Amino acid sequence: MTWSIIARDSLTGQIGIAVATRFFAVGARVPHIAPGLGGVATQALVNPYYGIDGVKLLREGKSPREVIDTMIATDAGRESRQLHVMDIKGRIAAHTGRECIDWCGNIQGDGFSLAGNMLAGEAVLSDTARAFSDSAALPFAQRLIVAMKAGEAAGGDKRGKQSAALVIQGEEEWSDLDLRVDDHTDPLAELERLEQVSRERWVHFRQFMPTRSNPAGITDRAVIDATIEAATARKT
């Protein structure tokens, strides 16, 4: 019922996940990221613990293959699940249960993993992959959205469209970007609009937030306002 991409930005080291589906609030269940370690996407008949426990296993140093093997071993419903995992080293593993609905499957490339089920056809994933590979010059968030829109143009979820999400994380436990479109007639277009809005102020502001290395962050409002004003002025 869904297709998703997990990818790593080679310039920043960020991990990102983008997902779209004909189902409500996909961003609340599918994407999971362990900052600095890797990402997990759990879909089809979603098992939320694949994401919760998957990032825990990544933190324990398990490989993507070990993560998947560990989780499906004790899940009697695994043949109705789909799951893919990519770590910061680019290692990828995937599981598509035998009871997932066609078209279903996964593909992988240099620095990205794709998986989908109940799709219009294999071209949904192959076109998503091609667009991601061909758009390396774009900023990471835009590149992920462009890739997903290519998959949608190839047919996407064969039932239609309803929700989409984009999550990007760097080294901090909080996300660099977390966008969710829970119920919309054109969720990827709305996701694209929200990403554009995020560049107005959020992407400039986030550098001032607390980090593990600087627990207070920057609290001087004059510095914050001046930096944002200068950044936005350059774009006008």
Foldseek 3Di string as FASTA:
>chain_A
DKKKKWFAQPVFLKIKMKMWDAAFWLLVAAWADQASWWIKGKDQPGDSVLRVVLSVVSVVVDAFVVSVCVVVVPDPCQLRIKMKMATSVGDIDIDHHVPFAPPWDKDDDRGMIMTDTQFPHPQLHVQLVVQLVVPSVDDPVVSNLSSNVSSVVVTGRVVATFWMWMWMDHRFPDTLDTDIRGGDNDHSVVVVVVVVVCQLQVNLQVQQAAGPVRRHGDDPVVVSVVSSVVSNVVVD
